[in-house]
C-alpha atoms as a PDB file:
ATOM      1  CA  UNK A   1     -83.851 190.691 -59.510  1.00  0.00           C
ATOM      2  CA  UNK A   2     -86.097 190.229 -56.562  1.00  0.00           C
ATOM      3  CA  UNK A   3     -86.362 186.627 -55.158  1.00  0.00           C
ATOM      4  CA  UNK A   4     -89.554 184.074 -55.377  1.00  0.00           C
ATOM      5  CA  UNK A   5     -90.136 185.889 -58.973  1.00  0.00           C
ATOM      6  CA  UNK A   6     -91.615 189.374 -57.297  1.00  0.00           C
ATOM      7  CA  UNK A   7     -90.847 192.126 -59.277  1.00  0.00           C
ATOM      8  CA  UNK A   8     -92.012 195.813 -59.716  1.00  0.00           C
ATOM      9  CA  UNK A   9     -94.874 195.267 -61.834  1.00  0.00           C
ATOM     10  CA  UNK A  10     -96.394 192.837 -59.865  1.00  0.00           C
ATOM     11  CA  UNK A  11     -95.985 194.908 -56.929  1.00  0.00           C
ATOM     12  CA  UNK A  12     -97.768 197.939 -58.991  1.00  0.00           C
ATOM     13  CA  UNK A  13    -100.614 195.807 -59.910  1.00  0.00           C
ATOM     14  CA  UNK A  14    -101.286 194.826 -56.814  1.00  0.00           C
ATOM     15  CA  UNK A  15    -100.764 198.351 -55.023  1.00  0.00           C
ATOM     16  CA  UNK A  16    -103.436 199.944 -58.073  1.00  0.00           C
ATOM     17  CA  UNK A  17    -106.048 197.389 -56.698  1.00  0.00           C
ATOM     18  CA  UNK A  18    -105.924 198.047 -52.895  1.00  0.00           C
ATOM     19  CA  UNK A  19    -106.078 201.790 -53.933  1.00  0.00           C
ATOM     20  CA  UNK A  20    -108.815 201.074 -56.297  1.00  0.00           C
ATOM     21  CA  UNK A  21    -110.787 199.482 -53.198  1.00  0.00           C
ATOM     22  CA  UNK A  22    -110.324 202.229 -51.146  1.00  0.00           C
ATOM     23  CA  UNK A  23    -107.665 200.567 -49.042  1.00  0.00           C
ATOM     24  CA  UNK A  24    -104.390 201.778 -48.156  1.00  0.00           C
ATOM     25  CA  UNK A  25    -101.663 200.000 -49.858  1.00  0.00           C
ATOM     26  CA  UNK A  26     -99.498 198.896 -46.825  1.00  0.00           C
ATOM     27  CA  UNK A  27     -96.538 196.555 -47.232  1.00  0.00           C
ATOM     28  CA  UNK A  28     -98.756 193.500 -45.426  1.00  0.00           C
ATOM     29  CA  UNK A  29    -101.625 194.470 -47.563  1.00  0.00           C
ATOM     30  CA  UNK A  30     -99.658 194.149 -50.710  1.00  0.00           C
ATOM     31  CA  UNK A  31     -98.154 191.082 -49.893  1.00  0.00           C
ATOM     32  CA  UNK A  32    -101.863 189.492 -49.234  1.00  0.00           C
ATOM     33  CA  UNK A  33    -102.847 190.746 -52.255  1.00  0.00           C
ATOM     34  CA  UNK A  34     -99.946 189.101 -54.572  1.00  0.00           C
ATOM     35  CA  UNK A  35    -100.697 185.865 -52.484  1.00  0.00           C
ATOM     36  CA  UNK A  36     -98.634 186.326 -49.295  1.00  0.00           C
ATOM     37  CA  UNK A  37     -95.338 185.612 -51.312  1.00  0.00           C
ATOM     38  CA  UNK A  38     -92.313 188.048 -51.459  1.00  0.00           C
ATOM     39  CA  UNK A  39     -90.150 189.524 -48.992  1.00  0.00           C
ATOM     40  CA  UNK A  40     -91.017 192.713 -47.108  1.00  0.00           C
ATOM     41  CA  UNK A  41     -88.001 194.718 -47.482  1.00  0.00           C
ATOM     42  CA  UNK A  42     -88.396 194.145 -51.196  1.00  0.00           C
ATOM     43  CA  UNK A  43     -92.081 194.996 -51.621  1.00  0.00           C
ATOM     44  CA  UNK A  44     -91.102 197.644 -49.717  1.00  0.00           C
ATOM     45  CA  UNK A  45     -88.178 198.553 -51.575  1.00  0.00           C
ATOM     46  CA  UNK A  46     -90.507 199.031 -54.810  1.00  0.00           C
ATOM     47  CA  UNK A  47     -93.639 200.542 -52.830  1.00  0.00           C
ATOM     48  CA  UNK A  48     -91.431 203.441 -52.061  1.00  0.00           C
ATOM     49  CA  UNK A  49     -89.970 203.272 -55.822  1.00  0.00           C
ATOM     50  CA  UNK A  50     -93.273 204.017 -57.015  1.00  0.00           C
ATOM     51  CA  UNK A  51     -94.806 206.384 -54.311  1.00  0.00           C
ATOM     52  CA  UNK A  52     -91.697 208.472 -55.774  1.00  0.00           C
ATOM     53  CA  UNK A  53     -92.647 207.765 -59.221  1.00  0.00           C
ATOM     54  CA  UNK A  54     -96.188 209.275 -58.798  1.00  0.00           C
ATOM     55  CA  UNK A  55     -94.822 212.067 -56.772  1.00  0.00           C
ATOM     56  CA  UNK A  56     -92.365 213.447 -58.913  1.00  0.00           C
ATOM     57  CA  UNK A  57     -95.012 213.195 -61.552  1.00  0.00           C
ATOM     58  CA  UNK A  58     -97.366 215.370 -59.930  1.00  0.00           C
ATOM     59  CA  UNK A  59     -94.916 217.678 -59.107  1.00  0.00           C
ATOM     60  CA  UNK A  60     -93.935 218.153 -62.269  1.00  0.00           C
ATOM     61  CA  UNK A  61     -97.833 219.023 -63.238  1.00  0.00           C
ATOM     62  CA  UNK A  62     -98.791 220.686 -59.883  1.00  0.00           C
ATOM     63  CA  UNK A  63     -98.500 224.554 -59.302  1.00  0.00           C
ATOM     64  CA  UNK A  64     -95.515 225.303 -56.595  1.00  0.00           C
ATOM     65  CA  UNK A  65     -98.564 225.007 -53.535  1.00  0.00           C
ATOM     66  CA  UNK A  66     -99.895 221.664 -54.539  1.00  0.00           C
ATOM     67  CA  UNK A  67     -96.003 220.451 -54.887  1.00  0.00           C
ATOM     68  CA  UNK A  68     -95.313 221.687 -51.269  1.00  0.00           C
ATOM     69  CA  UNK A  69     -98.501 219.945 -50.445  1.00  0.00           C
ATOM     70  CA  UNK A  70     -97.376 217.089 -51.978  1.00  0.00           C
ATOM     71  CA  UNK A  71     -94.186 217.164 -50.280  1.00  0.00           C
ATOM     72  CA  UNK A  72     -95.494 217.510 -47.207  1.00  0.00           C
ATOM     73  CA  UNK A  73     -98.423 214.769 -47.894  1.00  0.00           C
ATOM     74  CA  UNK A  74     -95.120 212.369 -49.257  1.00  0.00           C
ATOM     75  CA  UNK A  75     -92.980 212.973 -46.118  1.00  0.00           C
ATOM     76  CA  UNK A  76     -96.098 211.747 -43.969  1.00  0.00           C
ATOM     77  CA  UNK A  77     -96.773 208.929 -45.976  1.00  0.00           C
ATOM     78  CA  UNK A  78     -92.501 208.075 -45.910  1.00  0.00           C
ATOM     79  CA  UNK A  79     -92.774 208.900 -41.758  1.00  0.00           C
ATOM     80  CA  UNK A  80     -95.506 206.868 -41.944  1.00  0.00           C
ATOM     81  CA  UNK A  81     -93.961 203.458 -43.465  1.00  0.00           C
ATOM     82  CA  UNK A  82     -91.385 204.258 -41.616  1.00  0.00           C
ATOM     83  CA  UNK A  83     -93.430 203.628 -38.445  1.00  0.00           C
ATOM     84  CA  UNK A  84     -94.946 201.011 -40.016  1.00  0.00           C
ATOM     85  CA  UNK A  85     -92.554 199.129 -40.666  1.00  0.00           C
ATOM     86  CA  UNK A  86     -90.822 198.239 -36.852  1.00  0.00           C
ATOM     87  CA  UNK A  87     -94.695 197.550 -36.367  1.00  0.00           C
ATOM     88  CA  UNK A  88     -94.906 194.871 -39.309  1.00  0.00           C
ATOM     89  CA  UNK A  89     -91.597 193.656 -37.828  1.00  0.00           C
ATOM     90  CA  UNK A  90     -93.271 193.181 -34.504  1.00  0.00           C
ATOM     91  CA  UNK A  91     -96.518 192.035 -36.190  1.00  0.00           C
ATOM     92  CA  UNK A  92     -94.180 189.228 -37.987  1.00  0.00           C
ATOM     93  CA  UNK A  93     -92.534 188.353 -34.647  1.00  0.00           C
ATOM     94  CA  UNK A  94     -95.772 187.922 -32.767  1.00  0.00           C
ATOM     95  CA  UNK A  95     -97.180 185.499 -35.426  1.00  0.00           C
ATOM     96  CA  UNK A  96     -93.617 183.736 -35.172  1.00  0.00           C
ATOM     97  CA  UNK A  97     -93.873 183.600 -31.012  1.00  0.00           C
ATOM     98  CA  UNK A  98     -98.144 182.532 -31.325  1.00  0.00           C
ATOM     99  CA  UNK A  99     -97.175 179.792 -33.415  1.00  0.00           C
ATOM    100  CA  UNK A 100     -94.733 178.776 -31.093  1.00  0.00           C
ATOM    101  CA  UNK A 101     -96.838 179.464 -28.361  1.00  0.00           C
ATOM    102  CA  UNK A 102     -99.599 177.685 -29.691  1.00  0.00           C
ATOM    103  CA  UNK A 103     -97.129 174.355 -30.330  1.00  0.00           C
ATOM    104  CA  UNK A 104     -96.130 174.551 -26.841  1.00  0.00           C
ATOM    105  CA  UNK A 105     -99.760 174.370 -25.749  1.00  0.00           C
ATOM    106  CA  UNK A 106    -100.059 171.429 -27.944  1.00  0.00           C
ATOM    107  CA  UNK A 107     -97.577 169.567 -26.614  1.00  0.00           C
ATOM    108  CA  UNK A 108     -98.272 170.378 -22.992  1.00  0.00           C
ATOM    109  CA  UNK A 109    -102.072 169.120 -23.916  1.00  0.00           C
ATOM    110  CA  UNK A 110    -100.692 165.793 -25.206  1.00  0.00           C
ATOM    111  CA  UNK A 111     -97.831 165.625 -22.127  1.00  0.00           C
ATOM    112  CA  UNK A 112    -101.196 166.305 -19.933  1.00  0.00           C
ATOM    113  CA  UNK A 113    -103.387 163.586 -22.054  1.00  0.00           C
ATOM    114  CA  UNK A 114     -99.866 161.137 -20.925  1.00  0.00           C
ATOM    115  CA  UNK A 115     -99.692 161.967 -17.802  1.00  0.00           C
ATOM    116  CA  UNK A 116    -103.308 161.427 -17.156  1.00  0.00           C
ATOM    117  CA  UNK A 117    -103.209 158.266 -18.924  1.00  0.00           C
ATOM    118  CA  UNK A 118    -100.139 157.118 -16.414  1.00  0.00           C
ATOM    119  CA  UNK A 119    -102.427 157.889 -13.649  1.00  0.00           C
ATOM    120  CA  UNK A 120    -105.355 155.817 -14.310  1.00  0.00           C
ATOM    121  CA  UNK A 121    -102.929 152.938 -15.233  1.00  0.00           C
ATOM    122  CA  UNK A 122    -101.019 153.544 -12.227  1.00  0.00           C
ATOM    123  CA  UNK A 123    -104.441 154.045 -10.264  1.00  0.00           C
ATOM    124  CA  UNK A 124    -105.551 150.688 -11.649  1.00  0.00           C
ATOM    125  CA  UNK A 125    -102.175 149.080 -10.912  1.00  0.00           C
ATOM    126  CA  UNK A 126    -102.328 150.563  -7.222  1.00  0.00           C
ATOM    127  CA  UNK A 127    -105.429 148.772  -7.003  1.00  0.00           C
ATOM    128  CA  UNK A 128    -104.480 145.433  -8.112  1.00  0.00           C
ATOM    129  CA  UNK A 129    -101.795 145.739  -5.550  1.00  0.00           C
ATOM    130  CA  UNK A 130    -104.279 146.799  -2.412  1.00  0.00           C
ATOM    131  CA  UNK A 131    -106.343 143.604  -3.774  1.00  0.00           C
ATOM    132  CA  UNK A 132    -103.044 141.504  -3.493  1.00  0.00           C
ATOM    133  CA  UNK A 133    -102.504 142.946  -0.553  1.00  0.00           C
ATOM    134  CA  UNK A 134    -105.179 141.599   1.164  1.00  0.00           C
ATOM    135  CA  UNK A 135    -105.035 138.398  -0.279  1.00  0.00           C
ATOM    136  CA  UNK A 136    -101.349 138.215   1.177  1.00  0.00           C
ATOM    137  CA  UNK A 137    -102.305 139.319   4.313  1.00  0.00           C
ATOM    138  CA  UNK A 138    -105.125 136.610   4.528  1.00  0.00           C
ATOM    139  CA  UNK A 139    -102.674 133.638   3.073  1.00  0.00           C
ATOM    140  CA  UNK A 140    -100.261 135.397   6.218  1.00  0.00           C
ATOM    141  CA  UNK A 141    -103.142 134.948   8.652  1.00  0.00           C
ATOM    142  CA  UNK A 142    -103.563 131.110   7.035  1.00  0.00           C
ATOM    143  CA  UNK A 143     -99.920 130.281   7.077  1.00  0.00           C
ATOM    144  CA  UNK A 144     -99.766 131.308  11.042  1.00  0.00           C
ATOM    145  CA  UNK A 145    -102.412 128.854  11.916  1.00  0.00           C
ATOM    146  CA  UNK A 146    -100.833 126.302  10.035  1.00  0.00           C
ATOM    147  CA  UNK A 147     -97.883 126.883  11.645  1.00  0.00           C
ATOM    148  CA  UNK A 148     -98.739 127.009  14.975  1.00  0.00           C
ATOM    149  CA  UNK A 149    -100.469 123.501  14.275  1.00  0.00           C
ATOM    150  CA  UNK A 150     -96.826 122.486  12.908  1.00  0.00           C
ATOM    151  CA  UNK A 151     -95.397 123.483  16.189  1.00  0.00           C
ATOM    152  CA  UNK A 152     -97.781 121.810  17.972  1.00  0.00           C
ATOM    153  CA  UNK A 153     -97.064 118.746  15.925  1.00  0.00           C
ATOM    154  CA  UNK A 154     -93.720 119.561  16.611  1.00  0.00           C
ATOM    155  CA  UNK A 155     -93.999 119.571  20.322  1.00  0.00           C
ATOM    156  CA  UNK A 156     -95.735 116.437  20.106  1.00  0.00           C
ATOM    157  CA  UNK A 157     -93.246 114.194  18.239  1.00  0.00           C
ATOM    158  CA  UNK A 158     -90.452 115.729  21.032  1.00  0.00           C
ATOM    159  CA  UNK A 159     -92.382 114.136  23.307  1.00  0.00           C
ATOM    160  CA  UNK A 160     -93.004 110.887  21.573  1.00  0.00           C
ATOM    161  CA  UNK A 161     -89.279 110.886  20.672  1.00  0.00           C
ATOM    162  CA  UNK A 162     -88.554 111.307  24.625  1.00  0.00           C
ATOM    163  CA  UNK A 163     -90.380 108.260  25.037  1.00  0.00           C
ATOM    164  CA  UNK A 164     -88.748 106.196  22.447  1.00  0.00           C
ATOM    165  CA  UNK A 165     -85.208 107.491  24.171  1.00  0.00           C
ATOM    166  CA  UNK A 166     -87.032 105.633  27.594  1.00  0.00           C
ATOM    167  CA  UNK A 167     -87.805 103.018  26.123  1.00  0.00           C
ATOM    168  CA  UNK A 168     -84.087 102.362  24.171  1.00  0.00           C
ATOM    169  CA  UNK A 169     -82.520 103.024  27.777  1.00  0.00           C
ATOM    170  CA  UNK A 170     -84.574 100.624  29.411  1.00  0.00           C
ATOM    171  CA  UNK A 171     -83.928  98.053  26.703  1.00  0.00           C
ATOM    172  CA  UNK A 172     -80.376  99.045  27.032  1.00  0.00           C
ATOM    173  CA  UNK A 173     -80.139  98.210  30.722  1.00  0.00           C
ATOM    174  CA  UNK A 174     -82.144  95.188  30.116  1.00  0.00           C
ATOM    175  CA  UNK A 175     -79.418  93.723  27.585  1.00  0.00           C
ATOM    176  CA  UNK A 176     -76.537  94.832  29.608  1.00  0.00           C
ATOM    177  CA  UNK A 177     -78.376  92.419  32.838  1.00  0.00           C
ATOM    178  CA  UNK A 178     -78.579  89.969  29.701  1.00  0.00           C
ATOM    179  CA  UNK A 179     -75.326  90.346  28.968  1.00  0.00           C
ATOM    180  CA  UNK A 180     -74.120  90.131  32.292  1.00  0.00           C
ATOM    181  CA  UNK A 181     -76.027  87.235  33.093  1.00  0.00           C
ATOM    182  CA  UNK A 182     -74.742  85.546  30.063  1.00  0.00           C
ATOM    183  CA  UNK A 183     -71.079  85.765  31.000  1.00  0.00           C
ATOM    184  CA  UNK A 184     -71.570  84.925  34.389  1.00  0.00           C
ATOM    185  CA  UNK A 185     -73.426  81.574  33.497  1.00  0.00           C
ATOM    186  CA  UNK A 186     -70.867  81.013  30.473  1.00  0.00           C
ATOM    187  CA  UNK A 187     -67.723  81.415  33.541  1.00  0.00           C
ATOM    188  CA  UNK A 188     -69.729  78.922  35.302  1.00  0.00           C
ATOM    189  CA  UNK A 189     -70.032  76.628  32.554  1.00  0.00           C
ATOM    190  CA  UNK A 190     -66.154  76.801  31.844  1.00  0.00           C
ATOM    191  CA  UNK A 191     -65.024  76.248  35.150  1.00  0.00           C
ATOM    192  CA  UNK A 192     -67.511  72.969  35.396  1.00  0.00           C
ATOM    193  CA  UNK A 193     -66.486  71.748  32.708  1.00  0.00           C
ATOM    194  CA  UNK A 194     -62.449  72.214  33.542  1.00  0.00           C
ATOM    195  CA  UNK A 195     -63.434  69.801  36.780  1.00  0.00           C
ATOM    196  CA  UNK A 196     -65.337  67.333  34.547  1.00  0.00           C
ATOM    197  CA  UNK A 197     -62.092  67.481  32.247  1.00  0.00           C
ATOM    198  CA  UNK A 198     -59.847  66.967  35.171  1.00  0.00           C
ATOM    199  CA  UNK A 199     -61.808  63.951  36.204  1.00  0.00           C
ATOM    200  CA  UNK A 200     -62.514  62.024  33.107  1.00  0.00           C
ATOM    201  CA  UNK A 201     -59.185  63.441  31.341  1.00  0.00           C
ATOM    202  CA  UNK A 202     -58.394  60.053  30.143  1.00  0.00           C
ATOM    203  CA  UNK A 203     -62.737  58.656  29.532  1.00  0.00           C
ATOM    204  CA  UNK A 204     -64.363  61.217  28.006  1.00  0.00           C
ATOM    205  CA  UNK A 205     -62.638  62.386  24.895  1.00  0.00           C
ATOM    206  CA  UNK A 206     -65.909  61.625  22.801  1.00  0.00           C
ATOM    207  CA  UNK A 207     -67.667  63.741  25.595  1.00  0.00           C
ATOM    208  CA  UNK A 208     -64.944  66.233  25.104  1.00  0.00           C
ATOM    209  CA  UNK A 209     -65.586  66.648  21.797  1.00  0.00           C
ATOM    210  CA  UNK A 210     -69.080  66.968  22.140  1.00  0.00           C
ATOM    211  CA  UNK A 211     -68.434  69.740  24.551  1.00  0.00           C
ATOM    212  CA  UNK A 212     -66.080  71.420  22.443  1.00  0.00           C
ATOM    213  CA  UNK A 213     -68.916  71.498  19.851  1.00  0.00           C
ATOM    214  CA  UNK A 214     -71.275  72.761  22.304  1.00  0.00           C
ATOM    215  CA  UNK A 215     -69.093  75.632  22.889  1.00  0.00           C
ATOM    216  CA  UNK A 216     -68.249  76.335  19.383  1.00  0.00           C
ATOM    217  CA  UNK A 217     -72.027  76.618  19.116  1.00  0.00           C
ATOM    218  CA  UNK A 218     -72.102  78.993  22.093  1.00  0.00           C
ATOM    219  CA  UNK A 219     -69.173  80.637  20.562  1.00  0.00           C
ATOM    220  CA  UNK A 220     -71.789  81.423  17.560  1.00  0.00           C
ATOM    221  CA  UNK A 221     -74.459  82.252  20.242  1.00  0.00           C
ATOM    222  CA  UNK A 222     -72.173  84.661  21.510  1.00  0.00           C
ATOM    223  CA  UNK A 223     -71.340  86.174  18.322  1.00  0.00           C
ATOM    224  CA  UNK A 224     -74.432  86.532  17.382  1.00  0.00           C
ATOM    225  CA  UNK A 225     -75.453  88.627  20.946  1.00  0.00           C
ATOM    226  CA  UNK A 226     -72.304  90.864  19.916  1.00  0.00           C
ATOM    227  CA  UNK A 227     -73.941  91.480  16.731  1.00  0.00           C
ATOM    228  CA  UNK A 228     -77.154  92.354  17.993  1.00  0.00           C
ATOM    229  CA  UNK A 229     -75.219  94.551  20.671  1.00  0.00           C
ATOM    230  CA  UNK A 230     -73.515  96.292  17.922  1.00  0.00           C
ATOM    231  CA  UNK A 231     -76.970  96.769  15.875  1.00  0.00           C
ATOM    232  CA  UNK A 232     -78.202  98.236  18.887  1.00  0.00           C
ATOM    233  CA  UNK A 233     -75.506 100.335  19.142  1.00  0.00           C
ATOM    234  CA  UNK A 234     -76.511 101.289  15.398  1.00  0.00           C
ATOM    235  CA  UNK A 235     -79.649 102.166  16.093  1.00  0.00           C
ATOM    236  CA  UNK A 236     -78.826 104.212  19.032  1.00  0.00           C
ATOM    237  CA  UNK A 237     -76.384 106.416  16.498  1.00  0.00           C
ATOM    238  CA  UNK A 238     -79.329 106.685  14.380  1.00  0.00           C
ATOM    239  CA  UNK A 239     -81.654 107.622  17.007  1.00  0.00           C
ATOM    240  CA  UNK A 240     -79.385 110.363  17.964  1.00  0.00           C
ATOM    241  CA  UNK A 241     -78.846 111.524  14.553  1.00  0.00           C
ATOM    242  CA  UNK A 242     -82.712 111.529  13.894  1.00  0.00           C
ATOM    243  CA  UNK A 243     -82.827 113.860  17.302  1.00  0.00           C
ATOM    244  CA  UNK A 244     -80.279 116.339  15.613  1.00  0.00           C
ATOM    245  CA  UNK A 245     -82.420 116.037  12.331  1.00  0.00           C
ATOM    246  CA  UNK A 246     -85.377 117.228  14.981  1.00  0.00           C
ATOM    247  CA  UNK A 247     -83.606 120.028  16.661  1.00  0.00           C
ATOM    248  CA  UNK A 248     -82.657 120.902  13.083  1.00  0.00           C
ATOM    249  CA  UNK A 249     -86.269 121.018  11.947  1.00  0.00           C
ATOM    250  CA  UNK A 250     -87.111 122.904  15.248  1.00  0.00           C
ATOM    251  CA  UNK A 251     -84.397 125.371  14.525  1.00  0.00           C
ATOM    252  CA  UNK A 252     -86.467 125.792  10.968  1.00  0.00           C
ATOM    253  CA  UNK A 253     -89.573 126.179  12.636  1.00  0.00           C
ATOM    254  CA  UNK A 254     -88.572 128.958  14.631  1.00  0.00           C
ATOM    255  CA  UNK A 255     -86.849 130.636  11.433  1.00  0.00           C
ATOM    256  CA  UNK A 256     -90.132 130.501   9.658  1.00  0.00           C
ATOM    257  CA  UNK A 257     -92.126 132.106  12.753  1.00  0.00           C
ATOM    258  CA  UNK A 258     -89.491 134.727  12.386  1.00  0.00           C
ATOM    259  CA  UNK A 259     -90.058 135.273   8.872  1.00  0.00           C
ATOM    260  CA  UNK A 260     -93.686 135.479   8.774  1.00  0.00           C
ATOM    261  CA  UNK A 261     -93.505 139.113   8.577  1.00  0.00           C
ATOM    262  CA  UNK A 262     -92.267 138.479   5.304  1.00  0.00           C
ATOM    263  CA  UNK A 263     -95.011 136.265   3.647  1.00  0.00           C
ATOM    264  CA  UNK A 264     -96.736 138.594   1.587  1.00  0.00           C
ATOM    265  CA  UNK A 265     -93.319 138.124  -0.707  1.00  0.00           C
ATOM    266  CA  UNK A 266     -92.580 134.555   0.322  1.00  0.00           C
ATOM    267  CA  UNK A 267     -95.600 132.668   0.733  1.00  0.00           C
ATOM    268  CA  UNK A 268     -94.617 129.986  -2.026  1.00  0.00           C
ATOM    269  CA  UNK A 269     -91.428 129.434  -0.224  1.00  0.00           C
ATOM    270  CA  UNK A 270     -92.741 129.031   3.006  1.00  0.00           C
ATOM    271  CA  UNK A 271     -95.865 126.551   1.296  1.00  0.00           C
ATOM    272  CA  UNK A 272     -92.553 124.357  -0.391  1.00  0.00           C
ATOM    273  CA  UNK A 273     -90.331 124.451   3.152  1.00  0.00           C
ATOM    274  CA  UNK A 274     -93.916 123.290   5.198  1.00  0.00           C
ATOM    275  CA  UNK A 275     -94.443 120.332   2.211  1.00  0.00           C
ATOM    276  CA  UNK A 276     -91.156 119.448   3.317  1.00  0.00           C
ATOM    277  CA  UNK A 277     -91.218 119.554   6.992  1.00  0.00           C
ATOM    278  CA  UNK A 278     -94.148 117.462   6.731  1.00  0.00           C
ATOM    279  CA  UNK A 279     -92.666 114.807   4.494  1.00  0.00           C
ATOM    280  CA  UNK A 280     -89.381 114.803   6.961  1.00  0.00           C
ATOM    281  CA  UNK A 281     -91.923 114.479   9.890  1.00  0.00           C
ATOM    282  CA  UNK A 282     -93.544 111.532   7.835  1.00  0.00           C
ATOM    283  CA  UNK A 283     -90.558 109.583   7.494  1.00  0.00           C
ATOM    284  CA  UNK A 284     -89.348 110.343  10.740  1.00  0.00           C
ATOM    285  CA  UNK A 285     -92.150 108.260  12.212  1.00  0.00           C
ATOM    286  CA  UNK A 286     -91.758 105.748   9.610  1.00  0.00           C
ATOM    287  CA  UNK A 287     -88.004 105.419  10.572  1.00  0.00           C
ATOM    288  CA  UNK A 288     -88.977 105.635  14.606  1.00  0.00           C
ATOM    289  CA  UNK A 289     -91.475 102.258  13.870  1.00  0.00           C
ATOM    290  CA  UNK A 290     -88.866 100.583  11.819  1.00  0.00           C
ATOM    291  CA  UNK A 291     -86.905 100.744  14.714  1.00  0.00           C
ATOM    292  CA  UNK A 292     -89.551 100.094  17.165  1.00  0.00           C
ATOM    293  CA  UNK A 293     -89.522  96.571  15.046  1.00  0.00           C
ATOM    294  CA  UNK A 294     -86.378  96.043  14.882  1.00  0.00           C
ATOM    295  CA  UNK A 295     -85.913  96.475  18.741  1.00  0.00           C
ATOM    296  CA  UNK A 296     -88.971  93.933  19.593  1.00  0.00           C
ATOM    297  CA  UNK A 297     -87.174  91.774  16.529  1.00  0.00           C
ATOM    298  CA  UNK A 298     -84.066  91.604  18.372  1.00  0.00           C
ATOM    299  CA  UNK A 299     -85.733  91.207  21.868  1.00  0.00           C
ATOM    300  CA  UNK A 300     -87.233  88.141  19.890  1.00  0.00           C
ATOM    301  CA  UNK A 301     -84.082  86.915  18.730  1.00  0.00           C
ATOM    302  CA  UNK A 302     -82.674  87.383  22.202  1.00  0.00           C
ATOM    303  CA  UNK A 303     -85.311  84.942  23.975  1.00  0.00           C
ATOM    304  CA  UNK A 304     -84.366  82.309  21.079  1.00  0.00           C
ATOM    305  CA  UNK A 305     -80.861  82.494  22.056  1.00  0.00           C
ATOM    306  CA  UNK A 306     -81.952  82.285  25.543  1.00  0.00           C
ATOM    307  CA  UNK A 307     -83.980  79.066  25.045  1.00  0.00           C
ATOM    308  CA  UNK A 308     -80.782  77.836  22.724  1.00  0.00           C
ATOM    309  CA  UNK A 309     -78.345  78.003  25.596  1.00  0.00           C
ATOM    310  CA  UNK A 310     -80.916  76.144  28.006  1.00  0.00           C
ATOM    311  CA  UNK A 311     -80.653  73.448  25.329  1.00  0.00           C
ATOM    312  CA  UNK A 312     -77.036  73.489  25.188  1.00  0.00           C
ATOM    313  CA  UNK A 313     -76.840  73.583  29.293  1.00  0.00           C
ATOM    314  CA  UNK A 314     -79.780  70.212  29.218  1.00  0.00           C
ATOM    315  CA  UNK A 315     -77.418  68.593  26.486  1.00  0.00           C
ATOM    316  CA  UNK A 316     -74.539  69.367  28.336  1.00  0.00           C
ATOM    317  CA  UNK A 317     -76.211  67.739  31.121  1.00  0.00           C
ATOM    318  CA  UNK A 318     -77.325  65.100  29.658  1.00  0.00           C
ATOM    319  CA  UNK A 319     -73.784  64.229  28.083  1.00  0.00           C
ATOM    320  CA  UNK A 320     -72.386  64.663  31.753  1.00  0.00           C
ATOM    321  CA  UNK A 321     -74.603  61.793  32.925  1.00  0.00           C
ATOM    322  CA  UNK A 322     -73.706  59.470  30.046  1.00  0.00           C
ATOM    323  CA  UNK A 323     -70.492  59.696  30.930  1.00  0.00           C
ATOM    324  CA  UNK A 324     -70.999  58.842  34.398  1.00  0.00           C
ATOM    325  CA  UNK A 325     -73.094  55.933  33.490  1.00  0.00           C
ATOM    326  CA  UNK A 326     -70.585  54.930  31.043  1.00  0.00           C
ATOM    327  CA  UNK A 327     -67.562  55.068  33.962  1.00  0.00           C
ATOM    328  CA  UNK A 328     -69.589  53.459  36.647  1.00  0.00           C
ATOM    329  CA  UNK A 329     -69.264  49.662  35.049  1.00  0.00           C
ATOM    330  CA  UNK A 330     -65.281  50.450  34.790  1.00  0.00           C
ATOM    331  CA  UNK A 331     -64.801  51.426  38.677  1.00  0.00           C
ATOM    332  CA  UNK A 332     -66.821  47.724  39.774  1.00  0.00           C
ATOM    333  CA  UNK A 333     -64.133  45.677  38.769  1.00  0.00           C
ATOM    334  CA  UNK A 334     -61.553  47.543  40.287  1.00  0.00           C
ATOM    335  CA  UNK A 335     -63.230  47.620  43.838  1.00  0.00           C
END
């Protein structure tokens, strides 16, 4: 039984229809007549059987000459069919290759469309990158100008710090001189007090108590002066820390200048660092002002202490005079 429901009768019907139209009943023509169904091998076998049946029928009815002629015609038909079979197979392969090539062309056209779309997208992205690069270049120039201003501000601040250092050194020298003078004054007062104690050992107990009280007051003042000296040392240490921070800021500024070539990728980071530097500079200026105010307050305190010492000296002189006056009446009867 033939594949796809094709049988000899269907093939014969299609063959007779083709012959009736005056056409050659080839394998492809018969297959097309049957609606492009059936195997070509099966159709070829049925056509061969039909040709042999017609040939035998013709041979039994025709004379010998006709029989030879028919035999020759039949052989020619068989040779023609033999030659047509590889041609049909080649045509079938050609159709398959043609379909494959058409599918490949469609795939290539689709790939071409995708590549063109990608090219358009990349062109748009390239235009955006060019615009971004232009913007980054403008930002770079702006940042260079800002960094130049910041460097100038750092230089000015460094000069101001140097001036503050000179002022602090001058204040330290003045403080040292004042401390030496105060020490000398204390030694002189001590010697004078010892002399007075030797002369009035038995008569000036009350004066000695007052002198001890004055001494305690002077010691309190000395402690205050010592505390002021410690505060000055602390201010000096804070000043050195500030100087180190300034050096760190200058180093950071140099690093920022070295990194200006990478501003196209780090514009936002540099802006943050610049803001931080400005804040630190502002804090340093505020701290410097605070230290200046503290130094002014210390100077005022030193002056107050000097006045207190002068008052204490005046009190001691008054006490000494009072003691001398108190001792004068006692000395007169003895004379």
